Amino acid sequence: MHTIGRFAPSPSGRMHLGNVLCALLAWLSARQQNGEFLLRIEDLDEMRCPRSFADLIIDDLRWLGLDWDGEIPYQSERTAVYEKYEAILREKGLLYPCFCSRAALHAASAPHLSDGRVVYAGTCRDLTPEQVAEKRRKRAPATRVRVPERTITFTDGVYGAYTETLTEECGDFIIRRSDGVFAYQLAVVVDDGLSGVTEVVRGHDLIGSTPRQIWLYELFGFTPPNFIHIPLLCDHDGRRLSKRDEDLDLGLLREKFTPEQVIGALACAAGLTDTAEPVAAKELVKAFLWEKIPKHELYLPNVFRDIEKN
């Protein structure tokens, strides 16, 4: 099977080292298999994802030596495409309006999983047309999709078998927000399916999204890709890196390091090399193996920790 991998960043800020690690591993896997590597900009929320950040991500990837094939699609320009697939769910009778506030969703009476996720209690699932009309006068609804009582199992490329029962560990989920913006769950499935993506590499924090996405793939007639969830990159205190916390980004790193130094340090942190010696991304392709990637959390290389402290 011809491999088609991808990197799909959300341009809500400059890429940090965790983002770079994900891009690097996805790129190495695709190139090692002589496959294609796609780049997609996931800017569904245009208010939070200005084009200037997308331009910086594109420039940073070029600087790192991570190339891609074909044109770059922007999700903000694909609303009409997502609406076609929303209509498929509507025709199947799976959609309903949800008027619940964020506070209501996180109320103590709602089911919570051990990781803090809230399983939707179905408050709006069976509203009458009269109740819907009354609630619409007060607020615009989000759109939820009704999930079946089904258990989905897949084999992750790093963590092995993962199983989830949709009604118990997922619940009916939002596919379009109340402001009309499509949700990640629908958009990512549509875009990967239409692009023929066969391999999805992303952080382990997203593994819980995979069963519901596999279900959507099947509903839309797509073949689900192989999923590979990688361990998260953490700082010296064990906190995962994030844009929200303004962790080390490529803006600062490009002032102090070469691309080869960044790639070499991350390759060592991920178990691909024994030392953090500078290396170009293309030099890692031939010997790349997923078996080298550990299951435990990864930590910021010492050279970057020193900058973080300063």
Protein backbone atom coordinates (compact mmCIF):
# COMPACT_ATOMS: atom_id res chain seq x y z
CA MET A 1 0.00 0.00 0.00
CA HIS A 2 1.28 3.44 -0.94
CA THR A 3 1.83 5.48 2.21
CA ILE A 4 0.38 8.97 2.53
CA GLY A 5 1.28 10.70 5.76
CA ARG A 6 0.51 14.21 6.89
CA PHE A 7 1.17 16.98 9.39
CA ALA A 8 -1.84 19.13 10.24
CA PRO A 9 -0.93 21.93 12.67
CA SER A 10 -3.38 24.41 14.15
CA PRO A 11 -1.85 27.90 13.73
CA SER A 12 -2.93 29.29 17.08
CA GLY A 13 0.69 30.18 17.78
CA ARG A 14 4.27 29.45 16.76
CA MET A 15 5.30 25.78 16.75
CA HIS A 16 6.99 24.59 19.94
CA LEU A 17 9.33 21.61 20.20
CA GLY A 18 6.50 19.14 20.81
CA ASN A 19 4.92 20.20 17.51
CA VAL A 20 8.28 19.89 15.77
CA LEU A 21 8.78 16.38 17.15
CA CYS A 22 5.40 15.30 15.78
CA ALA A 23 6.15 16.82 12.38
CA LEU A 24 9.58 15.16 12.32
CA LEU A 25 8.32 11.66 13.16
CA ALA A 26 5.41 11.89 10.71
CA TRP A 27 7.77 13.08 7.97
CA LEU A 28 10.40 10.41 8.70
CA SER A 29 7.80 7.64 8.66
CA ALA A 30 6.34 8.70 5.31
CA ARG A 31 9.72 9.28 3.67
CA GLN A 32 11.17 6.02 5.02
CA GLN A 33 8.33 4.19 3.24
CA ASN A 34 8.89 6.19 0.02
CA GLY A 35 5.47 7.70 0.53
CA GLU A 36 3.89 11.10 0.21
CA PHE A 37 3.83 13.67 2.98
CA LEU A 38 1.03 16.25 3.06
CA LEU A 39 0.76 19.52 4.95
CA ARG A 40 -2.64 20.87 5.98
CA ILE A 41 -3.41 24.00 7.99
CA GLU A 42 -6.16 23.38 10.54
CA ASP A 43 -7.41 26.95 10.94
CA LEU A 44 -11.09 26.19 11.51
CA ASP A 45 -11.32 28.99 14.06
CA GLU A 46 -10.01 31.93 12.05
CA MET A 47 -10.19 34.28 15.05
CA ARG A 48 -7.68 32.14 16.97
CA CYS A 49 -5.66 31.06 13.93
CA PRO A 50 -4.48 34.07 11.91
CA ARG A 51 -2.83 33.44 8.56
CA SER A 52 0.37 35.04 9.89
CA PHE A 53 0.90 32.08 12.23
CA ALA A 54 0.26 29.64 9.38
CA ASP A 55 2.92 31.44 7.33
CA LEU A 56 5.39 31.09 10.22
CA ILE A 57 4.70 27.35 10.51
CA ILE A 58 5.30 26.88 6.79
CA ASP A 59 8.55 28.84 7.00
CA ASP A 60 9.69 26.92 10.09
CA LEU A 61 9.10 23.56 8.39
CA ARG A 62 11.17 24.66 5.41
CA TRP A 63 13.92 25.81 7.79
CA LEU A 64 13.89 22.39 9.49
CA GLY A 65 14.21 20.61 6.14
CA LEU A 66 10.76 18.97 6.31
CA ASP A 67 9.26 19.21 2.84
CA TRP A 68 5.80 18.17 1.66
CA ASP A 69 3.97 17.14 -1.48
CA GLY A 70 1.22 19.03 -3.25
CA GLU A 71 -0.70 22.16 -2.33
CA ILE A 72 -1.48 23.21 1.23
CA PRO A 73 -5.22 23.13 2.03
CA TYR A 74 -6.61 25.53 4.65
CA GLN A 75 -9.60 24.25 6.60
CA SER A 76 -11.03 27.77 6.86
CA GLU A 77 -11.63 27.61 3.10
CA ARG A 78 -13.40 24.23 3.14
CA THR A 79 -16.70 24.95 4.91
CA ALA A 80 -18.76 23.93 1.86
CA VAL A 81 -17.01 20.55 1.80
CA TYR A 82 -17.75 19.91 5.47
CA GLU A 83 -21.39 20.88 4.96
CA LYS A 84 -21.77 18.06 2.42
CA TYR A 85 -20.66 15.54 5.03
CA GLU A 86 -22.74 17.16 7.73
CA ALA A 87 -25.71 16.58 5.39
CA ILE A 88 -24.86 12.86 5.23
CA LEU A 89 -25.16 12.62 9.01
CA ARG A 90 -28.37 14.62 8.95
CA GLU A 91 -29.90 12.35 6.32
CA LYS A 92 -29.09 9.38 8.54
CA GLY A 93 -31.02 11.03 11.39
CA LEU A 94 -27.94 11.25 13.59
CA LEU A 95 -27.83 15.00 14.27
CA TYR A 96 -29.65 17.12 16.82
CA PRO A 97 -29.29 20.65 18.21
CA CYS A 98 -27.65 21.06 21.62
CA PHE A 99 -28.29 24.14 23.75
CA CYS A 100 -26.18 23.15 26.78
CA SER A 101 -23.74 25.74 28.09
CA ARG A 102 -20.14 24.91 28.92
CA ALA A 103 -20.97 25.25 32.62
CA ALA A 104 -23.80 22.75 32.31
CA LEU A 105 -21.55 20.26 30.52
CA HIS A 106 -19.04 20.37 33.37
CA ALA A 107 -21.62 20.17 36.15
CA ALA A 108 -20.92 17.68 38.90
CA SER A 109 -23.86 15.55 37.83
CA ALA A 110 -22.36 14.91 34.38
CA PRO A 111 -20.36 11.68 33.88
CA HIS A 112 -16.59 12.30 34.08
CA LEU A 113 -13.83 9.96 32.99
CA SER A 114 -10.57 9.54 34.90
CA ASP A 115 -8.75 11.91 32.53
CA GLY A 116 -11.27 14.69 33.14
CA ARG A 117 -13.23 14.28 29.91
CA VAL A 118 -16.96 14.78 30.18
CA VAL A 119 -19.30 12.26 28.59
CA TYR A 120 -22.37 14.10 27.33
CA ALA A 121 -25.43 13.11 29.34
CA GLY A 122 -27.85 13.44 26.41
CA THR A 123 -29.72 16.41 27.84
CA CYS A 124 -30.85 17.73 24.44
CA ARG A 125 -31.04 14.41 22.61
CA ASP A 126 -34.79 13.99 22.69
CA LEU A 127 -36.16 17.53 22.76
CA THR A 128 -39.53 18.03 21.08
CA PRO A 129 -39.81 20.43 18.11
CA GLU A 130 -41.60 22.87 20.43
CA GLN A 131 -38.79 22.74 22.99
CA VAL A 132 -36.20 23.25 20.27
CA ALA A 133 -38.04 26.29 18.91
CA GLU A 134 -38.32 27.79 22.39
CA LYS A 135 -34.63 27.30 23.15
CA ARG A 136 -33.58 28.71 19.76
CA ARG A 137 -35.17 32.01 20.75
CA LYS A 138 -32.69 32.26 23.59
CA ARG A 139 -29.45 30.94 22.10
CA ALA A 140 -27.99 29.37 18.97
CA PRO A 141 -27.38 25.63 19.32
CA ALA A 142 -24.36 23.53 18.59
CA THR A 143 -24.89 20.35 16.55
CA ARG A 144 -24.26 16.94 18.09
CA VAL A 145 -24.08 13.53 16.46
CA ARG A 146 -25.79 10.60 18.14
CA VAL A 147 -23.34 7.71 18.67
CA PRO A 148 -24.33 4.03 18.73
CA GLU A 149 -23.70 1.65 21.59
CA ARG A 150 -20.64 0.24 19.91
CA THR A 151 -17.18 -0.83 21.02
CA ILE A 152 -14.33 0.14 18.69
CA THR A 153 -10.83 -1.32 18.93
CA PHE A 154 -7.80 -0.31 16.90
CA THR A 155 -4.09 -1.09 17.10
CA ASP A 156 -1.96 1.98 17.68
CA GLY A 157 1.51 2.03 16.12
CA VAL A 158 3.20 2.79 19.46
CA TYR A 159 0.78 1.85 22.24
CA GLY A 160 -0.86 -1.25 20.80
CA ALA A 161 -4.53 -2.20 21.25
CA TYR A 162 -6.90 0.57 22.34
CA THR A 163 -10.60 0.00 22.98
CA GLU A 164 -13.45 2.39 23.64
CA THR A 165 -17.22 2.01 23.89
CA LEU A 166 -18.69 5.10 22.23
CA THR A 167 -21.73 5.54 24.45
CA GLU A 168 -19.75 5.07 27.68
CA GLU A 169 -16.42 6.78 27.00
CA CYS A 170 -17.27 9.22 24.24
CA GLY A 171 -20.95 10.11 24.20
CA ASP A 172 -22.72 12.18 21.58
CA PHE A 173 -20.14 14.72 20.41
CA ILE A 174 -20.24 18.11 18.74
CA ILE A 175 -19.56 18.29 15.03
CA ARG A 176 -20.43 21.99 14.60
CA ARG A 177 -20.22 24.75 17.16
CA SER A 178 -23.00 27.21 17.93
CA ASP A 179 -21.14 29.91 15.96
CA GLY A 180 -21.20 27.73 12.83
CA VAL A 181 -17.55 26.64 12.97
CA PHE A 182 -17.10 22.94 12.24
CA ALA A 183 -15.49 20.87 14.96
CA TYR A 184 -12.14 19.13 14.65
CA GLN A 185 -13.67 15.64 14.79
CA LEU A 186 -15.61 16.03 11.55
CA ALA A 187 -13.14 18.20 9.63
CA VAL A 188 -10.11 15.99 10.27
CA VAL A 189 -11.94 12.84 9.12
CA VAL A 190 -13.25 14.50 5.95
CA ASP A 191 -9.88 15.99 5.04
CA ASP A 192 -7.85 12.86 5.73
CA GLY A 193 -10.42 10.70 3.94
CA LEU A 194 -10.57 12.86 0.83
CA SER A 195 -6.77 13.17 0.74
CA GLY A 196 -6.30 9.41 0.91
CA VAL A 197 -4.21 9.66 4.08
CA THR A 198 -3.11 6.19 5.19
CA GLU A 199 -1.07 7.11 8.27
CA VAL A 200 -1.86 9.61 11.01
CA VAL A 201 0.89 10.55 13.46
CA ARG A 202 -0.11 12.76 16.39
CA GLY A 203 0.30 13.20 20.14
CA HIS A 204 -0.87 10.61 22.64
CA ASP A 205 -3.26 13.17 24.13
CA LEU A 206 -5.46 12.69 21.03
CA ILE A 207 -5.76 8.91 21.23
CA GLY A 208 -9.22 9.20 22.82
CA SER A 209 -10.52 10.91 19.68
CA THR A 210 -9.63 7.99 17.45
CA PRO A 211 -12.59 5.60 18.04
CA ARG A 212 -15.19 8.26 17.24
CA GLN A 213 -13.18 9.25 14.15
CA ILE A 214 -12.99 5.62 12.99
CA TRP A 215 -16.78 5.50 13.30
CA LEU A 216 -17.10 8.65 11.17
CA TYR A 217 -14.69 7.27 8.57
CA GLU A 218 -16.95 4.28 8.18
CA LEU A 219 -20.14 6.38 8.00
CA PHE A 220 -18.62 8.49 5.22
CA GLY A 221 -17.32 5.49 3.28
CA PHE A 222 -13.62 6.13 3.92
CA THR A 223 -10.97 3.58 4.88
CA PRO A 224 -9.56 4.55 8.30
CA PRO A 225 -5.81 5.21 8.26
CA ASN A 226 -3.26 3.61 10.55
CA PHE A 227 -2.93 5.63 13.74
CA ILE A 228 0.35 6.25 15.53
CA HIS A 229 0.17 8.27 18.73
CA ILE A 230 3.51 9.48 20.02
CA PRO A 231 4.53 10.20 23.62
CA LEU A 232 4.28 13.83 24.67
CA LEU A 233 7.34 16.03 25.07
CA CYS A 234 7.56 17.52 28.57
CA ASP A 235 9.67 20.12 30.31
CA HIS A 236 12.07 19.24 33.15
CA ASP A 237 9.16 19.30 35.66
CA GLY A 238 7.11 16.80 33.67
CA ARG A 239 4.63 19.37 32.30
CA ARG A 240 3.68 18.83 28.67
CA LEU A 241 4.71 21.60 26.30
CA SER A 242 1.93 23.81 24.95
CA LYS A 243 1.38 26.99 22.97
CA ARG A 244 -0.95 28.25 25.69
CA ASP A 245 1.91 28.29 28.20
CA GLU A 246 4.16 30.02 25.66
CA ASP A 247 6.77 27.27 25.75
CA LEU A 248 9.95 27.47 23.70
CA ASP A 249 8.97 28.13 20.12
CA LEU A 250 10.82 28.22 16.82
CA GLY A 251 11.10 31.99 16.94
CA LEU A 252 13.55 31.86 19.84
CA LEU A 253 15.18 28.58 18.84
CA ARG A 254 16.03 29.80 15.35
CA GLU A 255 18.04 32.64 16.92
CA LYS A 256 20.24 30.23 18.88
CA PHE A 257 20.37 26.93 17.00
CA THR A 258 20.83 25.50 13.54
CA PRO A 259 18.15 23.20 12.06
CA GLU A 260 20.54 20.28 12.48
CA GLN A 261 20.99 21.02 16.19
CA VAL A 262 17.24 21.08 16.76
CA ILE A 263 16.66 17.88 14.78
CA GLY A 264 19.58 16.11 16.46
CA ALA A 265 18.43 16.94 19.98
CA LEU A 266 14.84 15.85 19.30
CA ALA A 267 15.96 12.65 17.57
CA CYS A 268 17.98 11.73 20.66
CA ALA A 269 15.10 12.57 23.01
CA ALA A 270 12.82 10.28 20.97
CA GLY A 271 15.26 7.37 21.02
CA LEU A 272 16.18 7.55 17.35
CA THR A 273 19.85 8.28 18.03
CA ASP A 274 22.23 7.62 20.92
CA THR A 275 23.60 11.15 21.06
CA ALA A 276 22.24 14.63 20.44
CA GLU A 277 24.77 15.40 17.76
CA PRO A 278 23.51 17.75 15.00
CA VAL A 279 21.95 15.90 12.08
CA ALA A 280 19.82 16.81 9.07
CA ALA A 281 16.34 15.30 8.95
CA LYS A 282 17.07 13.55 5.65
CA GLU A 283 19.99 11.72 7.26
CA LEU A 284 17.61 9.99 9.70
CA VAL A 285 15.25 8.57 7.08
CA LYS A 286 17.04 5.35 6.17
CA ALA A 287 17.40 4.04 9.73
CA PHE A 288 14.03 5.24 11.05
CA LEU A 289 11.99 2.62 12.95
CA TRP A 290 8.85 3.10 15.02
CA GLU A 291 10.11 0.39 17.36
CA LYS A 292 12.68 2.85 18.68
CA ILE A 293 10.03 5.25 20.02
CA PRO A 294 9.31 4.65 23.73
CA LYS A 295 5.83 4.61 25.26
CA HIS A 296 6.73 6.84 28.20
CA GLU A 297 6.76 10.63 28.17
CA LEU A 298 9.78 12.31 26.58
CA TYR A 299 11.71 15.13 28.16
CA LEU A 300 13.14 18.35 26.85
CA PRO A 301 16.80 17.87 25.91
CA ASN A 302 19.24 19.58 28.29
CA VAL A 303 20.39 22.10 25.73
CA PHE A 304 16.84 23.44 25.45
CA ARG A 305 16.23 23.33 29.20
CA ASP A 306 19.09 25.75 29.71
CA ILE A 307 17.42 28.25 27.37
CA GLU A 308 14.07 27.68 29.04
CA LYS A 309 15.57 28.68 32.41
CA ASN A 310 17.09 31.82 30.95
